[in-house]
């Protein structure tokens, strides 16, 4: 048996006693909801990491430049020189999920919906990697292998001769320090921590980022 529905009828006196609607007003041109507007007020003083523009001579760091060209990452290394910090904050605020477990891969920016799902980001970057249906990128393939990444091979690739990762007391590799990196590794780290996985901590790389 279904539960009885409560009566929705109210007297005018009851309605008047409750006062105006409890729904707060907000600037719908700039924010998705009152909660998003309140969050903007809470974080509007925050700073954020600026992306780096990679500007090198044609004969400088050739290994790095060739890999950028191979990966078709030109858009990634040449971000816009100017931007409006307030609009950037509005994008991130309106992308913030207010319901746990609900992911909406789009944001509201000055009256427009801006998607930021995988397809949208790929298109924005010029579709640098086109995969067939069900195909995984090289990183995903390696990560999903039973043996994962070869830590010894990573050490040899990223470190200068004779150097190694910093280790825990029981010998487990945890991070590589800048002073142990090759010049090419330091160059990639600068790009990674500015344009891919923004971080203000750039004196070392934890093993997952390596």
N, C-alpha and C. Protein backbone atom coordinates (compact mmCIF):
# COMPACT_ATOMS: atom_id res chain seq x y z
N UNK A 1 0.86 -1.19 0.00
CA UNK A 1 0.00 0.00 0.00
C UNK A 1 0.89 1.24 0.00
N UNK A 2 0.58 2.16 -0.86
CA UNK A 2 1.35 3.40 -0.94
C UNK A 2 1.00 4.31 0.21
N UNK A 3 1.96 5.07 0.72
CA UNK A 3 1.67 6.00 1.82
C UNK A 3 0.71 7.08 1.37
N UNK A 4 -0.03 7.61 2.32
CA UNK A 4 -0.96 8.68 2.01
C UNK A 4 -0.20 9.96 1.69
N UNK A 5 -0.70 10.70 0.72
CA UNK A 5 -0.10 11.99 0.38
C UNK A 5 -0.60 13.04 1.35
N UNK A 6 0.31 13.86 1.83
CA UNK A 6 -0.08 14.95 2.70
C UNK A 6 -0.77 16.03 1.89
N UNK A 7 -1.73 16.67 2.50
CA UNK A 7 -2.45 17.74 1.82
C UNK A 7 -1.51 18.89 1.51
N UNK A 8 -1.60 19.43 0.28
CA UNK A 8 -0.74 20.54 -0.12
C UNK A 8 -1.45 21.88 0.02
N UNK A 9 -2.70 21.87 0.54
CA UNK A 9 -3.46 23.11 0.68
C UNK A 9 -3.00 23.86 1.92
N UNK A 10 -2.83 25.17 1.77
CA UNK A 10 -2.45 26.00 2.90
C UNK A 10 -3.33 27.24 2.92
N UNK A 11 -3.57 27.71 4.11
CA UNK A 11 -4.36 28.94 4.21
C UNK A 11 -3.49 30.13 3.83
N UNK A 12 -4.13 31.24 3.48
CA UNK A 12 -3.39 32.45 3.16
C UNK A 12 -2.59 32.93 4.37
N UNK A 13 -3.13 32.69 5.56
CA UNK A 13 -2.43 33.10 6.77
C UNK A 13 -1.12 32.33 6.93
N UNK A 14 -1.17 30.99 6.63
CA UNK A 14 0.04 30.17 6.72
C UNK A 14 1.09 30.65 5.72
N UNK A 15 0.68 30.95 4.48
CA UNK A 15 1.61 31.38 3.45
C UNK A 15 2.24 32.72 3.81
N UNK A 16 1.43 33.60 4.36
CA UNK A 16 1.94 34.92 4.73
C UNK A 16 2.93 34.82 5.88
N UNK A 17 2.69 33.85 6.79
CA UNK A 17 3.57 33.71 7.94
C UNK A 17 4.95 33.22 7.52
N UNK A 18 5.01 32.45 6.42
CA UNK A 18 6.28 31.93 5.96
C UNK A 18 7.14 32.99 5.29
N UNK A 19 6.53 34.08 4.85
CA UNK A 19 7.29 35.14 4.22
C UNK A 19 7.62 34.80 2.79
N UNK A 20 8.56 35.53 2.18
CA UNK A 20 8.94 35.32 0.79
C UNK A 20 9.62 33.97 0.59
N UNK A 21 9.80 33.58 -0.67
CA UNK A 21 10.41 32.29 -0.99
C UNK A 21 11.80 32.18 -0.37
N UNK A 22 12.12 30.95 0.08
CA UNK A 22 13.42 30.73 0.72
C UNK A 22 14.54 30.60 -0.30
N UNK A 23 14.21 30.52 -1.60
CA UNK A 23 15.22 30.38 -2.63
C UNK A 23 15.99 31.69 -2.81
N UNK A 24 17.30 31.70 -2.54
CA UNK A 24 18.06 32.95 -2.65
C UNK A 24 18.22 33.36 -4.11
N UNK A 25 18.30 34.66 -4.33
CA UNK A 25 18.51 35.17 -5.67
C UNK A 25 20.00 35.11 -6.00
N UNK A 26 20.33 35.02 -7.30
CA UNK A 26 21.73 35.00 -7.72
C UNK A 26 21.83 35.55 -9.13
N UNK A 27 23.04 35.86 -9.54
CA UNK A 27 23.31 36.40 -10.87
C UNK A 27 23.38 35.24 -11.86
N UNK A 28 22.28 34.97 -12.54
CA UNK A 28 22.19 33.80 -13.42
C UNK A 28 23.05 33.94 -14.68
N UNK A 29 23.51 35.14 -14.98
CA UNK A 29 24.37 35.31 -16.15
C UNK A 29 25.79 34.83 -15.85
N UNK A 30 26.20 34.93 -14.59
CA UNK A 30 27.55 34.57 -14.20
C UNK A 30 27.64 33.23 -13.46
N UNK A 31 26.53 32.77 -12.86
CA UNK A 31 26.62 31.59 -12.01
C UNK A 31 25.46 30.64 -12.26
N UNK A 32 25.73 29.36 -12.03
CA UNK A 32 24.73 28.32 -12.24
C UNK A 32 23.67 28.31 -11.15
N UNK A 33 24.06 28.71 -9.95
CA UNK A 33 23.14 28.66 -8.82
C UNK A 33 23.64 29.61 -7.74
N UNK A 34 22.83 29.78 -6.72
CA UNK A 34 23.23 30.61 -5.58
C UNK A 34 24.43 29.99 -4.87
N UNK A 35 24.48 28.64 -4.81
CA UNK A 35 25.60 27.98 -4.16
C UNK A 35 26.91 28.26 -4.89
N UNK A 36 26.86 28.28 -6.22
CA UNK A 36 28.07 28.57 -6.99
C UNK A 36 28.50 30.03 -6.79
N UNK A 37 27.54 30.92 -6.71
CA UNK A 37 27.88 32.32 -6.48
C UNK A 37 28.51 32.50 -5.10
N UNK A 38 27.98 31.80 -4.11
CA UNK A 38 28.55 31.88 -2.77
C UNK A 38 29.97 31.33 -2.76
N UNK A 39 30.21 30.26 -3.51
CA UNK A 39 31.56 29.69 -3.57
C UNK A 39 32.53 30.67 -4.23
N UNK A 40 32.05 31.39 -5.25
CA UNK A 40 32.91 32.39 -5.90
C UNK A 40 33.36 33.44 -4.89
N UNK A 41 32.43 33.91 -4.06
CA UNK A 41 32.78 34.90 -3.05
C UNK A 41 33.81 34.35 -2.07
N UNK A 42 33.74 33.04 -1.82
CA UNK A 42 34.66 32.42 -0.85
C UNK A 42 36.07 32.27 -1.41
N UNK A 43 36.21 32.09 -2.74
CA UNK A 43 37.53 31.80 -3.30
C UNK A 43 38.06 32.88 -4.23
N UNK A 44 37.35 33.99 -4.37
CA UNK A 44 37.76 34.99 -5.35
C UNK A 44 39.12 35.61 -5.05
N UNK A 45 39.61 35.43 -3.83
CA UNK A 45 40.93 35.94 -3.50
C UNK A 45 42.04 34.94 -3.76
N UNK A 46 41.67 33.74 -4.20
CA UNK A 46 42.68 32.71 -4.43
C UNK A 46 43.52 33.04 -5.66
N UNK A 47 44.76 32.62 -5.65
CA UNK A 47 45.61 32.73 -6.83
C UNK A 47 45.60 31.40 -7.57
N UNK A 48 46.05 31.38 -8.80
CA UNK A 48 46.09 30.12 -9.55
C UNK A 48 47.33 30.09 -10.41
N UNK A 49 47.68 28.90 -10.89
CA UNK A 49 48.90 28.71 -11.65
C UNK A 49 48.70 29.14 -13.10
N UNK A 50 49.63 29.91 -13.60
CA UNK A 50 49.59 30.33 -14.99
C UNK A 50 50.31 29.30 -15.85
N UNK A 51 49.74 29.01 -17.00
CA UNK A 51 50.39 28.10 -17.94
C UNK A 51 51.62 28.77 -18.54
N UNK A 52 52.57 27.98 -18.97
CA UNK A 52 53.80 28.49 -19.54
C UNK A 52 53.78 28.40 -21.06
N UNK A 53 54.27 29.43 -21.70
CA UNK A 53 54.46 29.41 -23.15
C UNK A 53 55.89 28.93 -23.42
N UNK A 54 56.00 27.92 -24.24
CA UNK A 54 57.32 27.37 -24.56
C UNK A 54 57.86 28.09 -25.79
N UNK A 55 58.92 28.86 -25.59
CA UNK A 55 59.53 29.62 -26.68
C UNK A 55 61.02 29.26 -26.75
N UNK A 56 61.38 28.46 -27.73
CA UNK A 56 62.75 27.98 -27.88
C UNK A 56 63.27 28.29 -29.28
N UNK A 57 64.59 28.40 -29.39
CA UNK A 57 65.20 28.54 -30.71
C UNK A 57 65.06 27.22 -31.46
N UNK A 58 65.17 27.28 -32.77
CA UNK A 58 65.00 26.07 -33.58
C UNK A 58 66.02 24.99 -33.24
N UNK A 59 67.20 25.39 -32.78
CA UNK A 59 68.25 24.41 -32.49
C UNK A 59 68.40 24.14 -30.99
N UNK A 60 67.42 24.53 -30.20
CA UNK A 60 67.51 24.41 -28.74
C UNK A 60 66.62 23.28 -28.24
N UNK A 61 67.17 22.40 -27.38
CA UNK A 61 66.42 21.28 -26.80
C UNK A 61 65.67 20.51 -27.89
N UNK A 62 66.39 20.03 -28.87
CA UNK A 62 65.76 19.39 -30.03
C UNK A 62 64.95 18.16 -29.65
N UNK A 63 65.45 17.35 -28.68
CA UNK A 63 64.70 16.16 -28.26
C UNK A 63 63.32 16.56 -27.74
N UNK A 64 63.28 17.62 -26.98
CA UNK A 64 62.02 18.11 -26.42
C UNK A 64 61.09 18.62 -27.52
N UNK A 65 61.63 19.43 -28.43
CA UNK A 65 60.81 19.99 -29.50
C UNK A 65 60.30 18.91 -30.45
N UNK A 66 61.13 17.93 -30.72
CA UNK A 66 60.69 16.85 -31.62
C UNK A 66 59.56 16.04 -30.98
N UNK A 67 59.63 15.82 -29.67
CA UNK A 67 58.57 15.07 -29.00
C UNK A 67 57.27 15.87 -28.96
N UNK A 68 57.37 17.18 -28.77
CA UNK A 68 56.18 18.04 -28.80
C UNK A 68 55.51 17.95 -30.18
N UNK A 69 56.33 18.01 -31.23
CA UNK A 69 55.79 17.91 -32.59
C UNK A 69 55.18 16.54 -32.84
N UNK A 70 55.86 15.49 -32.36
CA UNK A 70 55.36 14.12 -32.55
C UNK A 70 54.01 13.92 -31.87
N UNK A 71 53.86 14.49 -30.69
CA UNK A 71 52.61 14.35 -29.94
C UNK A 71 51.53 15.35 -30.38
N UNK A 72 51.90 16.27 -31.25
CA UNK A 72 50.98 17.31 -31.73
C UNK A 72 50.46 18.12 -30.54
N UNK A 73 51.41 18.58 -29.72
CA UNK A 73 51.08 19.34 -28.52
C UNK A 73 51.36 20.83 -28.68
N UNK A 74 51.36 21.33 -29.90
CA UNK A 74 51.67 22.75 -30.12
C UNK A 74 50.70 23.65 -29.36
N UNK A 75 49.42 23.31 -29.37
CA UNK A 75 48.43 24.12 -28.65
C UNK A 75 48.67 24.07 -27.15
N UNK A 76 49.14 22.94 -26.66
CA UNK A 76 49.38 22.78 -25.23
C UNK A 76 50.52 23.66 -24.75
N UNK A 77 51.54 23.86 -25.58
CA UNK A 77 52.72 24.62 -25.16
C UNK A 77 52.64 26.09 -25.56
N UNK A 78 51.55 26.49 -26.22
CA UNK A 78 51.39 27.90 -26.58
C UNK A 78 50.02 28.40 -26.12
N UNK A 79 49.79 28.46 -24.81
CA UNK A 79 48.50 28.94 -24.30
C UNK A 79 48.34 30.44 -24.57
N UNK A 80 47.14 30.92 -24.37
CA UNK A 80 46.85 32.33 -24.60
C UNK A 80 47.72 33.20 -23.69
N UNK A 81 48.23 34.29 -24.25
CA UNK A 81 49.13 35.16 -23.49
C UNK A 81 48.36 36.00 -22.48
N UNK A 82 47.11 36.33 -22.78
CA UNK A 82 46.31 37.16 -21.90
C UNK A 82 45.01 36.45 -21.55
N UNK A 83 44.52 36.71 -20.35
CA UNK A 83 43.25 36.12 -19.93
C UNK A 83 42.67 36.97 -18.82
N UNK A 84 41.39 36.77 -18.56
CA UNK A 84 40.69 37.50 -17.51
C UNK A 84 40.59 36.59 -16.29
N UNK A 85 41.30 36.88 -15.21
CA UNK A 85 41.27 36.01 -14.03
C UNK A 85 39.87 35.78 -13.49
N UNK A 86 38.99 36.77 -13.58
CA UNK A 86 37.64 36.61 -13.04
C UNK A 86 36.86 35.58 -13.83
N UNK A 87 37.02 35.59 -15.16
CA UNK A 87 36.32 34.61 -15.99
C UNK A 87 36.86 33.21 -15.71
N UNK A 88 38.17 33.09 -15.52
CA UNK A 88 38.76 31.79 -15.20
C UNK A 88 38.19 31.25 -13.90
N UNK A 89 38.07 32.10 -12.87
CA UNK A 89 37.51 31.67 -11.60
C UNK A 89 36.04 31.29 -11.75
N UNK A 90 35.31 32.04 -12.56
CA UNK A 90 33.90 31.71 -12.79
C UNK A 90 33.78 30.32 -13.43
N UNK A 91 34.68 30.03 -14.37
CA UNK A 91 34.64 28.71 -15.01
C UNK A 91 34.82 27.61 -13.98
N UNK A 92 35.84 27.74 -13.13
CA UNK A 92 36.11 26.69 -12.15
C UNK A 92 35.01 26.61 -11.09
N UNK A 93 34.48 27.75 -10.68
CA UNK A 93 33.40 27.75 -9.69
C UNK A 93 32.17 27.05 -10.23
N UNK A 94 31.80 27.35 -11.47
CA UNK A 94 30.59 26.77 -12.05
C UNK A 94 30.78 25.32 -12.47
N UNK A 95 32.03 24.85 -12.51
CA UNK A 95 32.28 23.43 -12.78
C UNK A 95 32.25 22.62 -11.50
N UNK A 96 32.21 23.29 -10.38
CA UNK A 96 32.22 22.62 -9.07
C UNK A 96 30.92 21.88 -8.82
N UNK A 97 30.96 20.56 -8.55
CA UNK A 97 29.73 19.80 -8.30
C UNK A 97 29.18 20.09 -6.91
N UNK A 98 27.92 20.43 -6.83
CA UNK A 98 27.32 20.73 -5.52
C UNK A 98 26.58 19.52 -4.96
N UNK A 99 26.44 18.47 -5.78
CA UNK A 99 25.82 17.24 -5.32
C UNK A 99 26.84 16.12 -5.37
N UNK A 100 27.02 15.42 -4.29
CA UNK A 100 28.00 14.34 -4.23
C UNK A 100 27.64 13.23 -5.20
N UNK A 101 28.62 12.81 -5.97
CA UNK A 101 28.41 11.72 -6.91
C UNK A 101 27.85 12.14 -8.26
N UNK A 102 27.55 13.43 -8.43
CA UNK A 102 27.00 13.93 -9.69
C UNK A 102 28.10 14.67 -10.45
N UNK A 103 28.46 14.18 -11.64
CA UNK A 103 29.50 14.81 -12.44
C UNK A 103 28.89 15.35 -13.72
N UNK A 104 28.98 16.65 -13.89
CA UNK A 104 28.48 17.31 -15.09
C UNK A 104 29.68 17.97 -15.75
N UNK A 105 30.19 17.37 -16.81
CA UNK A 105 31.44 17.83 -17.41
C UNK A 105 31.22 19.05 -18.30
N UNK A 106 30.69 20.10 -17.68
CA UNK A 106 30.51 21.37 -18.37
C UNK A 106 30.42 22.47 -17.32
N UNK A 107 30.67 23.69 -17.76
CA UNK A 107 30.60 24.83 -16.86
C UNK A 107 29.80 25.94 -17.52
N UNK A 108 29.36 26.88 -16.69
CA UNK A 108 28.54 28.00 -17.15
C UNK A 108 29.41 29.26 -17.14
N UNK A 109 29.63 29.87 -18.31
CA UNK A 109 30.49 31.04 -18.41
C UNK A 109 29.80 32.14 -19.19
N UNK A 110 29.42 33.19 -18.47
CA UNK A 110 28.82 34.38 -19.08
C UNK A 110 27.66 34.03 -20.02
N UNK A 111 26.76 33.19 -19.53
CA UNK A 111 25.57 32.87 -20.29
C UNK A 111 25.72 31.74 -21.29
N UNK A 112 26.85 31.01 -21.25
CA UNK A 112 27.06 29.92 -22.20
C UNK A 112 27.55 28.68 -21.48
N UNK A 113 27.11 27.51 -21.95
CA UNK A 113 27.59 26.25 -21.42
C UNK A 113 28.90 25.91 -22.12
N UNK A 114 29.93 25.60 -21.32
CA UNK A 114 31.24 25.23 -21.86
C UNK A 114 31.57 23.80 -21.43
N UNK A 115 31.57 22.84 -22.36
CA UNK A 115 31.91 21.45 -21.99
C UNK A 115 33.41 21.30 -21.79
N UNK A 116 33.79 20.40 -20.88
CA UNK A 116 35.21 20.11 -20.70
C UNK A 116 35.43 18.60 -20.53
N UNK A 117 34.62 17.82 -21.25
CA UNK A 117 34.82 16.37 -21.24
C UNK A 117 36.00 16.02 -22.14
N UNK A 118 36.30 14.74 -22.25
CA UNK A 118 37.46 14.29 -23.02
C UNK A 118 37.40 14.77 -24.46
N UNK A 119 36.24 14.65 -25.09
CA UNK A 119 36.10 15.04 -26.49
C UNK A 119 36.29 16.54 -26.67
N UNK A 120 35.74 17.33 -25.75
CA UNK A 120 35.86 18.78 -25.85
C UNK A 120 37.31 19.23 -25.69
N UNK A 121 38.01 18.65 -24.71
CA UNK A 121 39.41 19.00 -24.50
C UNK A 121 40.27 18.59 -25.69
N UNK A 122 39.99 17.42 -26.24
CA UNK A 122 40.75 16.96 -27.40
C UNK A 122 40.55 17.90 -28.58
N UNK A 123 39.31 18.32 -28.80
CA UNK A 123 39.02 19.23 -29.89
C UNK A 123 39.71 20.58 -29.67
N UNK A 124 39.71 21.05 -28.42
CA UNK A 124 40.36 22.33 -28.10
C UNK A 124 41.85 22.28 -28.40
N UNK A 125 42.48 21.13 -28.16
CA UNK A 125 43.91 20.97 -28.39
C UNK A 125 44.25 20.57 -29.82
N UNK A 126 43.22 20.52 -30.70
CA UNK A 126 43.47 20.18 -32.09
C UNK A 126 43.47 18.70 -32.37
N UNK A 127 42.79 17.92 -31.52
CA UNK A 127 42.70 16.46 -31.68
C UNK A 127 44.09 15.84 -31.90
N UNK A 128 44.99 15.97 -30.92
CA UNK A 128 46.35 15.43 -31.08
C UNK A 128 46.42 13.91 -31.12
N UNK A 129 45.45 13.24 -30.53
CA UNK A 129 45.46 11.78 -30.50
C UNK A 129 44.08 11.26 -30.87
N UNK A 130 43.99 10.54 -31.97
CA UNK A 130 42.72 9.97 -32.43
C UNK A 130 42.77 8.47 -32.20
N UNK A 131 41.84 7.96 -31.39
CA UNK A 131 41.80 6.54 -31.05
C UNK A 131 40.60 5.87 -31.69
N UNK A 132 40.76 4.62 -32.01
CA UNK A 132 39.65 3.82 -32.51
C UNK A 132 38.71 3.47 -31.35
N UNK A 133 37.52 3.04 -31.66
CA UNK A 133 36.55 2.66 -30.64
C UNK A 133 37.14 1.58 -29.72
N UNK A 134 37.18 1.89 -28.42
CA UNK A 134 37.70 0.94 -27.45
C UNK A 134 39.21 0.93 -27.31
N UNK A 135 39.91 1.67 -28.15
CA UNK A 135 41.37 1.71 -28.08
C UNK A 135 41.83 2.61 -26.93
N UNK A 136 42.91 2.23 -26.27
CA UNK A 136 43.47 3.01 -25.18
C UNK A 136 44.76 3.68 -25.62
N UNK A 137 45.06 4.82 -25.00
CA UNK A 137 46.32 5.48 -25.28
C UNK A 137 47.46 4.67 -24.65
N UNK A 138 48.69 4.99 -25.01
CA UNK A 138 49.84 4.23 -24.53
C UNK A 138 49.95 4.26 -23.02
N UNK A 139 49.69 5.43 -22.42
CA UNK A 139 49.78 5.54 -20.97
C UNK A 139 48.77 4.62 -20.29
N UNK A 140 47.53 4.60 -20.77
CA UNK A 140 46.50 3.75 -20.17
C UNK A 140 46.86 2.28 -20.33
N UNK A 141 47.42 1.93 -21.47
CA UNK A 141 47.81 0.54 -21.71
C UNK A 141 48.86 0.10 -20.70
N UNK A 142 49.86 0.95 -20.48
CA UNK A 142 50.93 0.61 -19.53
C UNK A 142 50.39 0.55 -18.11
N UNK A 143 49.55 1.53 -17.76
CA UNK A 143 49.02 1.59 -16.40
C UNK A 143 48.16 0.37 -16.08
N UNK A 144 47.46 -0.16 -17.07
CA UNK A 144 46.55 -1.27 -16.84
C UNK A 144 47.22 -2.64 -16.93
N UNK A 145 48.48 -2.66 -17.31
CA UNK A 145 49.19 -3.94 -17.34
C UNK A 145 49.38 -4.46 -15.92
N UNK A 146 49.46 -5.76 -15.81
CA UNK A 146 49.62 -6.38 -14.49
C UNK A 146 50.90 -5.92 -13.82
N UNK A 147 51.97 -5.75 -14.60
CA UNK A 147 53.25 -5.36 -14.01
C UNK A 147 53.43 -3.85 -13.97
N UNK A 148 52.49 -3.08 -14.56
CA UNK A 148 52.55 -1.63 -14.50
C UNK A 148 53.79 -1.07 -15.17
N UNK A 149 54.32 0.02 -14.61
CA UNK A 149 55.51 0.65 -15.15
C UNK A 149 56.77 0.03 -14.55
N UNK A 150 57.83 0.04 -15.33
CA UNK A 150 59.12 -0.49 -14.89
C UNK A 150 59.86 0.63 -14.16
N UNK A 151 59.88 0.60 -12.84
CA UNK A 151 60.50 1.66 -12.06
C UNK A 151 61.99 1.78 -12.35
N UNK A 152 62.64 0.67 -12.57
CA UNK A 152 64.08 0.70 -12.87
C UNK A 152 64.34 1.43 -14.18
N UNK A 153 63.51 1.15 -15.19
CA UNK A 153 63.67 1.81 -16.48
C UNK A 153 63.38 3.30 -16.36
N UNK A 154 62.38 3.67 -15.55
CA UNK A 154 62.06 5.08 -15.34
C UNK A 154 63.23 5.79 -14.67
N UNK A 155 63.85 5.13 -13.69
CA UNK A 155 65.00 5.70 -13.01
C UNK A 155 66.12 6.01 -13.98
N UNK A 156 66.44 5.06 -14.84
CA UNK A 156 67.53 5.24 -15.79
C UNK A 156 67.20 6.32 -16.82
N UNK A 157 65.93 6.43 -17.18
CA UNK A 157 65.54 7.40 -18.20
C UNK A 157 65.54 8.83 -17.67
N UNK A 158 65.09 9.03 -16.43
CA UNK A 158 64.91 10.38 -15.90
C UNK A 158 66.09 10.90 -15.09
N UNK A 159 66.92 10.02 -14.58
CA UNK A 159 67.99 10.44 -13.68
C UNK A 159 69.33 10.57 -14.40
N UNK A 160 70.20 11.40 -13.83
CA UNK A 160 71.57 11.47 -14.32
C UNK A 160 72.30 10.21 -13.88
N UNK A 161 73.43 9.95 -14.51
CA UNK A 161 74.18 8.73 -14.26
C UNK A 161 74.56 8.62 -12.77
N UNK A 162 74.21 7.49 -12.19
CA UNK A 162 74.56 7.24 -10.80
C UNK A 162 73.53 7.73 -9.80
N UNK A 163 72.50 8.42 -10.27
CA UNK A 163 71.46 8.94 -9.37
C UNK A 163 70.25 8.00 -9.36
N UNK A 164 69.41 8.18 -8.35
CA UNK A 164 68.24 7.31 -8.20
C UNK A 164 67.13 8.11 -7.52
N UNK A 165 65.98 7.48 -7.36
CA UNK A 165 64.86 8.09 -6.65
C UNK A 165 65.18 8.20 -5.16
N UNK A 166 64.58 9.17 -4.50
CA UNK A 166 64.58 9.18 -3.04
C UNK A 166 63.72 8.01 -2.59
N UNK A 167 64.11 7.38 -1.50
CA UNK A 167 63.44 6.16 -1.07
C UNK A 167 62.97 6.27 0.37
N UNK A 168 62.03 5.41 0.71
CA UNK A 168 61.57 5.32 2.09
C UNK A 168 62.58 4.51 2.90
N UNK A 169 62.33 4.40 4.21
CA UNK A 169 63.23 3.65 5.09
C UNK A 169 63.33 2.19 4.68
N UNK A 170 62.27 1.67 4.03
CA UNK A 170 62.29 0.25 3.63
C UNK A 170 62.72 0.08 2.17
N UNK A 171 63.17 1.19 1.55
CA UNK A 171 63.73 1.10 0.20
C UNK A 171 62.78 1.33 -0.95
N UNK A 172 61.54 1.71 -0.68
CA UNK A 172 60.57 1.93 -1.76
C UNK A 172 60.79 3.29 -2.41
N UNK A 173 60.84 3.32 -3.75
CA UNK A 173 61.02 4.58 -4.46
C UNK A 173 59.78 5.46 -4.27
N UNK A 174 60.00 6.74 -3.99
CA UNK A 174 58.85 7.63 -3.77
C UNK A 174 58.88 8.86 -4.67
N UNK A 175 60.08 9.42 -4.94
CA UNK A 175 60.15 10.63 -5.76
C UNK A 175 61.56 10.81 -6.30
N UNK A 176 61.65 11.59 -7.35
CA UNK A 176 62.95 11.94 -7.90
C UNK A 176 63.17 13.43 -7.66
N UNK A 177 64.32 13.78 -7.12
CA UNK A 177 64.63 15.17 -6.81
C UNK A 177 65.16 15.88 -8.06
N UNK A 178 64.92 17.18 -8.14
CA UNK A 178 65.38 17.95 -9.29
C UNK A 178 66.90 17.79 -9.49
N UNK A 179 67.64 17.76 -8.39
CA UNK A 179 69.09 17.65 -8.49
C UNK A 179 69.56 16.32 -9.07
N UNK A 180 68.66 15.35 -9.12
CA UNK A 180 69.01 14.04 -9.67
C UNK A 180 68.54 13.87 -11.11
N UNK A 181 67.84 14.89 -11.65
CA UNK A 181 67.24 14.77 -12.97
C UNK A 181 68.19 15.21 -14.08
N UNK A 182 67.98 14.62 -15.25
CA UNK A 182 68.67 15.12 -16.44
C UNK A 182 68.06 16.46 -16.83
N UNK A 183 68.75 17.21 -17.67
CA UNK A 183 68.22 18.50 -18.13
C UNK A 183 66.90 18.32 -18.87
N UNK A 184 66.82 17.26 -19.68
CA UNK A 184 65.58 17.01 -20.43
C UNK A 184 64.43 16.70 -19.47
N UNK A 185 64.70 15.94 -18.41
CA UNK A 185 63.65 15.63 -17.42
C UNK A 185 63.17 16.92 -16.75
N UNK A 186 64.07 17.81 -16.39
CA UNK A 186 63.69 19.06 -15.77
C UNK A 186 62.83 19.91 -16.70
N UNK A 187 63.14 19.86 -18.00
CA UNK A 187 62.35 20.61 -18.99
C UNK A 187 60.93 20.07 -19.05
N UNK A 188 60.80 18.73 -19.11
CA UNK A 188 59.47 18.13 -19.14
C UNK A 188 58.72 18.39 -17.85
N UNK A 189 59.42 18.38 -16.71
CA UNK A 189 58.76 18.63 -15.44
C UNK A 189 58.17 20.03 -15.40
N UNK A 190 58.91 21.02 -15.93
CA UNK A 190 58.42 22.39 -15.95
C UNK A 190 57.10 22.49 -16.73
N UNK A 191 57.03 21.78 -17.85
CA UNK A 191 55.80 21.79 -18.65
C UNK A 191 54.68 21.03 -17.94
N UNK A 192 55.01 19.87 -17.40
CA UNK A 192 54.02 19.04 -16.73
C UNK A 192 53.35 19.77 -15.58
N UNK A 193 54.17 20.43 -14.74
CA UNK A 193 53.63 21.07 -13.53
C UNK A 193 53.04 22.44 -13.80
N UNK A 194 53.11 22.92 -15.03
CA UNK A 194 52.50 24.20 -15.38
C UNK A 194 51.28 24.02 -16.27
N UNK A 195 51.36 23.14 -17.26
CA UNK A 195 50.30 23.05 -18.27
C UNK A 195 49.47 21.77 -18.21
N UNK A 196 49.92 20.76 -17.48
CA UNK A 196 49.21 19.48 -17.47
C UNK A 196 48.66 19.15 -16.09
N UNK A 197 49.53 19.10 -15.09
CA UNK A 197 49.13 18.82 -13.70
C UNK A 197 49.64 19.96 -12.83
N UNK A 198 48.96 21.10 -12.85
CA UNK A 198 49.48 22.31 -12.19
C UNK A 198 49.83 22.09 -10.72
N UNK A 199 51.00 22.58 -10.34
CA UNK A 199 51.47 22.46 -8.96
C UNK A 199 52.50 23.55 -8.70
N UNK A 200 52.49 24.08 -7.47
CA UNK A 200 53.50 25.07 -7.12
C UNK A 200 54.72 24.42 -6.47
N UNK A 201 54.70 23.10 -6.38
CA UNK A 201 55.82 22.36 -5.80
C UNK A 201 56.60 21.73 -6.93
N UNK A 202 57.76 22.32 -7.25
CA UNK A 202 58.49 21.86 -8.43
C UNK A 202 59.93 21.49 -8.13
N UNK A 203 60.21 21.09 -6.90
CA UNK A 203 61.57 20.68 -6.57
C UNK A 203 61.76 19.17 -6.74
N UNK A 204 60.66 18.44 -6.93
CA UNK A 204 60.76 17.00 -7.16
C UNK A 204 59.50 16.50 -7.85
N UNK A 205 59.54 15.24 -8.27
CA UNK A 205 58.39 14.60 -8.91
C UNK A 205 58.06 13.31 -8.17
N UNK A 206 56.85 13.20 -7.63
CA UNK A 206 56.44 11.92 -7.02
C UNK A 206 56.41 10.84 -8.09
N UNK A 207 56.58 9.61 -7.67
CA UNK A 207 56.68 8.50 -8.62
C UNK A 207 55.51 8.43 -9.60
N UNK A 208 54.22 8.62 -9.18
CA UNK A 208 53.14 8.54 -10.17
C UNK A 208 53.28 9.56 -11.30
N UNK A 209 53.78 10.76 -11.01
CA UNK A 209 53.96 11.76 -12.06
C UNK A 209 55.17 11.42 -12.93
N UNK A 210 56.14 10.75 -12.35
CA UNK A 210 57.29 10.31 -13.16
C UNK A 210 56.84 9.35 -14.26
